[in-house]
Amino acid sequence: MNCEFCGGQTVPRKVRKQHWLSGKLYLVENVEAEVCTECGERYYHATVLDRIDAMLQAEHPVKEHLSVEVVSFA
């Protein structure tokens, strides 16, 4: 497929995705995506996003816990 932003070609890759669900931030590894070879824009199929939501709403193994700072730029 072609990237909607730069017109570059996309290729299938496994990526790490930041995913918000019910006010919580998760990092999900090995997510299938189409990634633009020119600008890096990522595209996810709706079925993949639905599977992530279902996985996170059920009991799931946690690989690691991270601490993140939240700051305001303005």
PDB file of N, CA and C in Angstrom:
ATOM      1  N   MET A   1       0.836  -1.183   0.000  1.00  0.00           N
ATOM      2  CA  MET A   1       0.000   0.000   0.000  1.00  0.00           C
ATOM      3  C   MET A   1       0.877   1.242   0.000  1.00  0.00           C
ATOM      4  N   ASN A   2       0.299   2.371  -0.348  1.00  0.00           N
ATOM      5  CA  ASN A   2       1.036   3.630  -0.358  1.00  0.00           C
ATOM      6  C   ASN A   2       0.688   4.450   0.873  1.00  0.00           C
ATOM      7  N   CYS A   3       1.685   5.143   1.410  1.00  0.00           N
ATOM      8  CA  CYS A   3       1.509   5.997   2.581  1.00  0.00           C
ATOM      9  C   CYS A   3       0.616   7.179   2.234  1.00  0.00           C
ATOM     10  N   GLU A   4      -0.334   7.481   3.117  1.00  0.00           N
ATOM     11  CA  GLU A   4      -1.237   8.608   2.896  1.00  0.00           C
ATOM     12  C   GLU A   4      -0.538   9.945   3.076  1.00  0.00           C
ATOM     13  N   PHE A   5       0.597   9.972   3.773  1.00  0.00           N
ATOM     14  CA  PHE A   5       1.274  11.232   4.071  1.00  0.00           C
ATOM     15  C   PHE A   5       2.322  11.601   3.031  1.00  0.00           C
ATOM     16  N   CYS A   6       3.175  10.636   2.664  1.00  0.00           N
ATOM     17  CA  CYS A   6       4.274  10.986   1.753  1.00  0.00           C
ATOM     18  C   CYS A   6       4.217  10.235   0.429  1.00  0.00           C
ATOM     19  N   GLY A   7       3.314   9.247   0.310  1.00  0.00           N
ATOM     20  CA  GLY A   7       3.206   8.487  -0.929  1.00  0.00           C
ATOM     21  C   GLY A   7       4.193   7.341  -1.042  1.00  0.00           C
ATOM     22  N   GLY A   8       5.032   7.156  -0.012  1.00  0.00           N
ATOM     23  CA  GLY A   8       6.001   6.069  -0.025  1.00  0.00           C
ATOM     24  C   GLY A   8       5.328   4.704   0.061  1.00  0.00           C
ATOM     25  N   GLN A   9       6.107   3.676  -0.158  1.00  0.00           N
ATOM     26  CA  GLN A   9       5.612   2.296  -0.113  1.00  0.00           C
ATOM     27  C   GLN A   9       5.690   1.779   1.321  1.00  0.00           C
ATOM     28  N   THR A  10       4.705   0.973   1.739  1.00  0.00           N
ATOM     29  CA  THR A  10       4.751   0.367   3.067  1.00  0.00           C
ATOM     30  C   THR A  10       5.158  -1.090   2.965  1.00  0.00           C
ATOM     31  N   VAL A  11       5.731  -1.579   4.062  1.00  0.00           N
ATOM     32  CA  VAL A  11       6.119  -2.986   4.149  1.00  0.00           C
ATOM     33  C   VAL A  11       5.625  -3.529   5.490  1.00  0.00           C
ATOM     34  N   PRO A  12       5.286  -4.829   5.536  1.00  0.00           N
ATOM     35  CA  PRO A  12       4.854  -5.400   6.811  1.00  0.00           C
ATOM     36  C   PRO A  12       6.034  -5.530   7.775  1.00  0.00           C
ATOM     37  N   ARG A  13       5.787  -5.149   9.032  1.00  0.00           N
ATOM     38  CA  ARG A  13       6.817  -5.254  10.072  1.00  0.00           C
ATOM     39  C   ARG A  13       6.140  -5.543  11.402  1.00  0.00           C
ATOM     40  N   LYS A  14       6.935  -6.039  12.342  1.00  0.00           N
ATOM     41  CA  LYS A  14       6.495  -6.181  13.733  1.00  0.00           C
ATOM     42  C   LYS A  14       7.085  -5.001  14.491  1.00  0.00           C
ATOM     43  N   VAL A  15       6.233  -4.253  15.219  1.00  0.00           N
ATOM     44  CA  VAL A  15       6.657  -3.030  15.892  1.00  0.00           C
ATOM     45  C   VAL A  15       6.221  -3.042  17.356  1.00  0.00           C
ATOM     46  N   ARG A  16       6.758  -2.084  18.111  1.00  0.00           N
ATOM     47  CA  ARG A  16       6.303  -1.827  19.472  1.00  0.00           C
ATOM     48  C   ARG A  16       5.290  -0.685  19.385  1.00  0.00           C
ATOM     49  N   LYS A  17       4.083  -0.922  19.903  1.00  0.00           N
ATOM     50  CA  LYS A  17       3.007   0.065  19.800  1.00  0.00           C
ATOM     51  C   LYS A  17       2.631   0.614  21.166  1.00  0.00           C
ATOM     52  N   GLN A  18       2.514   1.939  21.264  1.00  0.00           N
ATOM     53  CA  GLN A  18       1.936   2.558  22.449  1.00  0.00           C
ATOM     54  C   GLN A  18       0.430   2.477  22.292  1.00  0.00           C
ATOM     55  N   HIS A  19      -0.245   1.962  23.305  1.00  0.00           N
ATOM     56  CA  HIS A  19      -1.681   1.708  23.184  1.00  0.00           C
ATOM     57  C   HIS A  19      -2.384   2.164  24.452  1.00  0.00           C
ATOM     58  N   TRP A  20      -3.326   3.085  24.321  1.00  0.00           N
ATOM     59  CA  TRP A  20      -4.125   3.555  25.447  1.00  0.00           C
ATOM     60  C   TRP A  20      -5.413   2.753  25.511  1.00  0.00           C
ATOM     61  N   LEU A  21      -5.775   2.315  26.717  1.00  0.00           N
ATOM     62  CA  LEU A  21      -7.040   1.608  26.925  1.00  0.00           C
ATOM     63  C   LEU A  21      -7.529   1.916  28.331  1.00  0.00           C
ATOM     64  N   SER A  22      -8.731   2.434  28.433  1.00  0.00           N
ATOM     65  CA  SER A  22      -9.357   2.764  29.720  1.00  0.00           C
ATOM     66  C   SER A  22      -8.459   3.652  30.580  1.00  0.00           C
ATOM     67  N   GLY A  23      -7.833   4.641  29.945  1.00  0.00           N
ATOM     68  CA  GLY A  23      -7.009   5.599  30.666  1.00  0.00           C
ATOM     69  C   GLY A  23      -5.640   5.089  31.075  1.00  0.00           C
ATOM     70  N   LYS A  24      -5.256   3.907  30.635  1.00  0.00           N
ATOM     71  CA  LYS A  24      -3.946   3.346  30.951  1.00  0.00           C
ATOM     72  C   LYS A  24      -3.125   3.209  29.677  1.00  0.00           C
ATOM     73  N   LEU A  25      -1.827   3.458  29.807  1.00  0.00           N
ATOM     74  CA  LEU A  25      -0.917   3.336  28.671  1.00  0.00           C
ATOM     75  C   LEU A  25      -0.191   2.003  28.739  1.00  0.00           C
ATOM     76  N   TYR A  26      -0.176   1.293  27.627  1.00  0.00           N
ATOM     77  CA  TYR A  26       0.528   0.018  27.498  1.00  0.00           C
ATOM     78  C   TYR A  26       1.526   0.120  26.355  1.00  0.00           C
ATOM     79  N   LEU A  27       2.638  -0.597  26.466  1.00  0.00           N
ATOM     80  CA  LEU A  27       3.549  -0.809  25.348  1.00  0.00           C
ATOM     81  C   LEU A  27       3.382  -2.264  24.946  1.00  0.00           C
ATOM     82  N   VAL A  28       2.975  -2.475  23.714  1.00  0.00           N
ATOM     83  CA  VAL A  28       2.711  -3.825  23.222  1.00  0.00           C
ATOM     84  C   VAL A  28       3.752  -4.139  22.158  1.00  0.00           C
ATOM     85  N   GLU A  29       4.502  -5.212  22.361  1.00  0.00           N
ATOM     86  CA  GLU A  29       5.565  -5.585  21.430  1.00  0.00           C
ATOM     87  C   GLU A  29       5.072  -6.588  20.396  1.00  0.00           C
ATOM     88  N   ASN A  30       5.779  -6.662  19.292  1.00  0.00           N
ATOM     89  CA  ASN A  30       5.517  -7.625  18.213  1.00  0.00           C
ATOM     90  C   ASN A  30       4.144  -7.454  17.573  1.00  0.00           C
ATOM     91  N   VAL A  31       3.741  -6.201  17.368  1.00  0.00           N
ATOM     92  CA  VAL A  31       2.446  -5.900  16.748  1.00  0.00           C
ATOM     93  C   VAL A  31       2.632  -5.806  15.241  1.00  0.00           C
ATOM     94  N   GLU A  32       1.763  -6.464  14.494  1.00  0.00           N
ATOM     95  CA  GLU A  32       1.810  -6.427  13.034  1.00  0.00           C
ATOM     96  C   GLU A  32       1.350  -5.059  12.543  1.00  0.00           C
ATOM     97  N   ALA A  33       2.153  -4.454  11.659  1.00  0.00           N
ATOM     98  CA  ALA A  33       1.821  -3.145  11.100  1.00  0.00           C
ATOM     99  C   ALA A  33       2.372  -3.049   9.691  1.00  0.00           C
ATOM    100  N   GLU A  34       1.830  -2.115   8.935  1.00  0.00           N
ATOM    101  CA  GLU A  34       2.402  -1.711   7.654  1.00  0.00           C
ATOM    102  C   GLU A  34       3.158  -0.424   7.946  1.00  0.00           C
ATOM    103  N   VAL A  35       4.459  -0.382   7.628  1.00  0.00           N
ATOM    104  CA  VAL A  35       5.299   0.767   7.958  1.00  0.00           C
ATOM    105  C   VAL A  35       5.852   1.370   6.675  1.00  0.00           C
ATOM    106  N   CYS A  36       5.710   2.687   6.547  1.00  0.00           N
ATOM    107  CA  CYS A  36       6.214   3.382   5.367  1.00  0.00           C
ATOM    108  C   CYS A  36       7.735   3.381   5.372  1.00  0.00           C
ATOM    109  N   THR A  37       8.328   3.006   4.244  1.00  0.00           N
ATOM    110  CA  THR A  37       9.783   2.961   4.134  1.00  0.00           C
ATOM    111  C   THR A  37      10.389   4.357   4.001  1.00  0.00           C
ATOM    112  N   GLU A  38       9.577   5.356   3.678  1.00  0.00           N
ATOM    113  CA  GLU A  38      10.079   6.722   3.514  1.00  0.00           C
ATOM    114  C   GLU A  38       9.988   7.538   4.799  1.00  0.00           C
ATOM    115  N   CYS A  39       8.799   7.602   5.407  1.00  0.00           N
ATOM    116  CA  CYS A  39       8.600   8.485   6.564  1.00  0.00           C
ATOM    117  C   CYS A  39       8.371   7.743   7.876  1.00  0.00           C
ATOM    118  N   GLY A  40       8.150   6.421   7.824  1.00  0.00           N
ATOM    119  CA  GLY A  40       7.965   5.648   9.040  1.00  0.00           C
ATOM    120  C   GLY A  40       6.547   5.597   9.578  1.00  0.00           C
ATOM    121  N   GLU A  41       5.611   6.234   8.892  1.00  0.00           N
ATOM    122  CA  GLU A  41       4.206   6.192   9.340  1.00  0.00           C
ATOM    123  C   GLU A  41       3.755   4.737   9.442  1.00  0.00           C
ATOM    124  N   ARG A  42       2.953   4.442  10.486  1.00  0.00           N
ATOM    125  CA  ARG A  42       2.494   3.074  10.724  1.00  0.00           C
ATOM    126  C   ARG A  42       0.983   2.961  10.492  1.00  0.00           C
ATOM    127  N   TYR A  43       0.587   1.827   9.939  1.00  0.00           N
ATOM    128  CA  TYR A  43      -0.821   1.526   9.703  1.00  0.00           C
ATOM    129  C   TYR A  43      -1.136   0.182  10.342  1.00  0.00           C
ATOM    130  N   TYR A  44      -2.237   0.136  11.102  1.00  0.00           N
ATOM    131  CA  TYR A  44      -2.646  -1.077  11.799  1.00  0.00           C
ATOM    132  C   TYR A  44      -4.021  -1.499  11.293  1.00  0.00           C
ATOM    133  N   HIS A  45      -4.209  -2.794  11.055  1.00  0.00           N
ATOM    134  CA  HIS A  45      -5.511  -3.308  10.681  1.00  0.00           C
ATOM    135  C   HIS A  45      -6.426  -3.267  11.896  1.00  0.00           C
ATOM    136  N   ALA A  46      -7.702  -2.982  11.692  1.00  0.00           N
ATOM    137  CA  ALA A  46      -8.668  -2.898  12.791  1.00  0.00           C
ATOM    138  C   ALA A  46      -8.717  -4.197  13.583  1.00  0.00           C
ATOM    139  N   THR A  47      -8.565  -5.325  12.913  1.00  0.00           N
ATOM    140  CA  THR A  47      -8.610  -6.604  13.629  1.00  0.00           C
ATOM    141  C   THR A  47      -7.436  -6.741  14.600  1.00  0.00           C
ATOM    142  N   VAL A  48      -6.270  -6.204  14.241  1.00  0.00           N
ATOM    143  CA  VAL A  48      -5.104  -6.235  15.133  1.00  0.00           C
ATOM    144  C   VAL A  48      -5.387  -5.378  16.365  1.00  0.00           C
ATOM    145  N   LEU A  49      -5.953  -4.186  16.164  1.00  0.00           N
ATOM    146  CA  LEU A  49      -6.273  -3.306  17.287  1.00  0.00           C
ATOM    147  C   LEU A  49      -7.325  -3.934  18.199  1.00  0.00           C
ATOM    148  N   ASP A  50      -8.311  -4.596  17.609  1.00  0.00           N
ATOM    149  CA  ASP A  50      -9.329  -5.291  18.408  1.00  0.00           C
ATOM    150  C   ASP A  50      -8.706  -6.421  19.225  1.00  0.00           C
ATOM    151  N   ARG A  51      -7.760  -7.140  18.637  1.00  0.00           N
ATOM    152  CA  ARG A  51      -7.082  -8.232  19.362  1.00  0.00           C
ATOM    153  C   ARG A  51      -6.253  -7.695  20.517  1.00  0.00           C
ATOM    154  N   ILE A  52      -5.628  -6.535  20.337  1.00  0.00           N
ATOM    155  CA  ILE A  52      -4.860  -5.916  21.424  1.00  0.00           C
ATOM    156  C   ILE A  52      -5.804  -5.546  22.570  1.00  0.00           C
ATOM    157  N   ASP A  53      -6.923  -4.892  22.252  1.00  0.00           N
ATOM    158  CA  ASP A  53      -7.902  -4.532  23.293  1.00  0.00           C
ATOM    159  C   ASP A  53      -8.361  -5.762  24.058  1.00  0.00           C
ATOM    160  N   ALA A  54      -8.699  -6.822  23.344  1.00  0.00           N
ATOM    161  CA  ALA A  54      -9.180  -8.050  23.996  1.00  0.00           C
ATOM    162  C   ALA A  54      -8.099  -8.655  24.883  1.00  0.00           C
ATOM    163  N   MET A  55      -6.864  -8.668  24.411  1.00  0.00           N
ATOM    164  CA  MET A  55      -5.759  -9.220  25.195  1.00  0.00           C
ATOM    165  C   MET A  55      -5.569  -8.427  26.484  1.00  0.00           C
ATOM    166  N   LEU A  56      -5.605  -7.092  26.392  1.00  0.00           N
ATOM    167  CA  LEU A  56      -5.355  -6.254  27.556  1.00  0.00           C
ATOM    168  C   LEU A  56      -6.506  -6.286  28.561  1.00  0.00           C
ATOM    169  N   GLN A  57      -7.722  -6.537  28.086  1.00  0.00           N
ATOM    170  CA  GLN A  57      -8.872  -6.605  28.995  1.00  0.00           C
ATOM    171  C   GLN A  57      -8.935  -7.934  29.738  1.00  0.00           C
ATOM    172  N   ALA A  58      -8.250  -8.947  29.235  1.00  0.00           N
ATOM    173  CA  ALA A  58      -8.209 -10.261  29.872  1.00  0.00           C
ATOM    174  C   ALA A  58      -6.932 -10.361  30.714  1.00  0.00           C
ATOM    175  N   GLU A  59      -6.805 -11.422  31.462  1.00  0.00           N
ATOM    176  CA  GLU A  59      -5.553 -11.683  32.174  1.00  0.00           C
ATOM    177  C   GLU A  59      -4.447 -11.858  31.137  1.00  0.00           C
ATOM    178  N   HIS A  60      -3.335 -11.172  31.338  1.00  0.00           N
ATOM    179  CA  HIS A  60      -2.239 -11.256  30.375  1.00  0.00           C
ATOM    180  C   HIS A  60      -0.907 -11.167  31.107  1.00  0.00           C
ATOM    181  N   PRO A  61       0.107 -11.816  30.580  1.00  0.00           N
ATOM    182  CA  PRO A  61       1.426 -11.730  31.210  1.00  0.00           C
ATOM    183  C   PRO A  61       2.016 -10.329  31.028  1.00  0.00           C
ATOM    184  N   VAL A  62       2.727  -9.870  32.038  1.00  0.00           N
ATOM    185  CA  VAL A  62       3.387  -8.567  31.979  1.00  0.00           C
ATOM    186  C   VAL A  62       4.883  -8.803  31.932  1.00  0.00           C
ATOM    187  N   LYS A  63       5.520  -8.328  30.878  1.00  0.00           N
ATOM    188  CA  LYS A  63       6.961  -8.517  30.685  1.00  0.00           C
ATOM    189  C   LYS A  63       7.769  -7.602  31.594  1.00  0.00           C
ATOM    190  N   GLU A  64       7.290  -6.345  31.772  1.00  0.00           N
ATOM    191  CA  GLU A  64       8.069  -5.356  32.513  1.00  0.00           C
ATOM    192  C   GLU A  64       7.163  -4.197  32.912  1.00  0.00           C
ATOM    193  N   HIS A  65       7.460  -3.556  34.031  1.00  0.00           N
ATOM    194  CA  HIS A  65       6.793  -2.318  34.442  1.00  0.00           C
ATOM    195  C   HIS A  65       7.784  -1.175  34.279  1.00  0.00           C
ATOM    196  N   LEU A  66       7.314  -0.056  33.705  1.00  0.00           N
ATOM    197  CA  LEU A  66       8.165   1.104  33.492  1.00  0.00           C
ATOM    198  C   LEU A  66       7.576   2.311  34.208  1.00  0.00           C
ATOM    199  N   SER A  67       8.425   3.249  34.586  1.00  0.00           N
ATOM    200  CA  SER A  67       7.992   4.515  35.162  1.00  0.00           C
ATOM    201  C   SER A  67       8.175   5.588  34.096  1.00  0.00           C
ATOM    202  N   VAL A  68       7.165   6.458  33.917  1.00  0.00           N
ATOM    203  CA  VAL A  68       7.212   7.471  32.867  1.00  0.00           C
ATOM    204  C   VAL A  68       6.915   8.836  33.473  1.00  0.00           C
ATOM    205  N   GLU A  69       7.718   9.827  33.140  1.00  0.00           N
ATOM    206  CA  GLU A  69       7.453  11.206  33.568  1.00  0.00           C
ATOM    207  C   GLU A  69       6.487  11.863  32.596  1.00  0.00           C
ATOM    208  N   VAL A  70       5.565  12.654  33.117  1.00  0.00           N
ATOM    209  CA  VAL A  70       4.637  13.429  32.303  1.00  0.00           C
ATOM    210  C   VAL A  70       4.953  14.898  32.553  1.00  0.00           C
ATOM    211  N   VAL A  71       5.263  15.629  31.487  1.00  0.00           N
ATOM    212  CA  VAL A  71       5.618  17.034  31.606  1.00  0.00           C
ATOM    213  C   VAL A  71       4.789  17.861  30.642  1.00  0.00           C
ATOM    214  N   SER A  72       4.654  19.172  30.927  1.00  0.00           N
ATOM    215  CA  SER A  72       3.922  20.058  30.040  1.00  0.00           C
ATOM    216  C   SER A  72       4.915  20.937  29.296  1.00  0.00           C
ATOM    217  N   PHE A  73       4.781  21.008  28.000  1.00  0.00           N
ATOM    218  CA  PHE A  73       5.677  21.791  27.155  1.00  0.00           C
ATOM    219  C   PHE A  73       5.377  23.279  27.252  1.00  0.00           C
ATOM    220  N   ALA A  74       4.111  23.620  27.441  1.00  0.00           N
ATOM    221  CA  ALA A  74       3.711  25.049  27.471  1.00  0.00           C
ATOM    222  C   ALA A  74       3.773  25.618  28.858  1.00  0.00           C
TER     223      ALA A  74
END
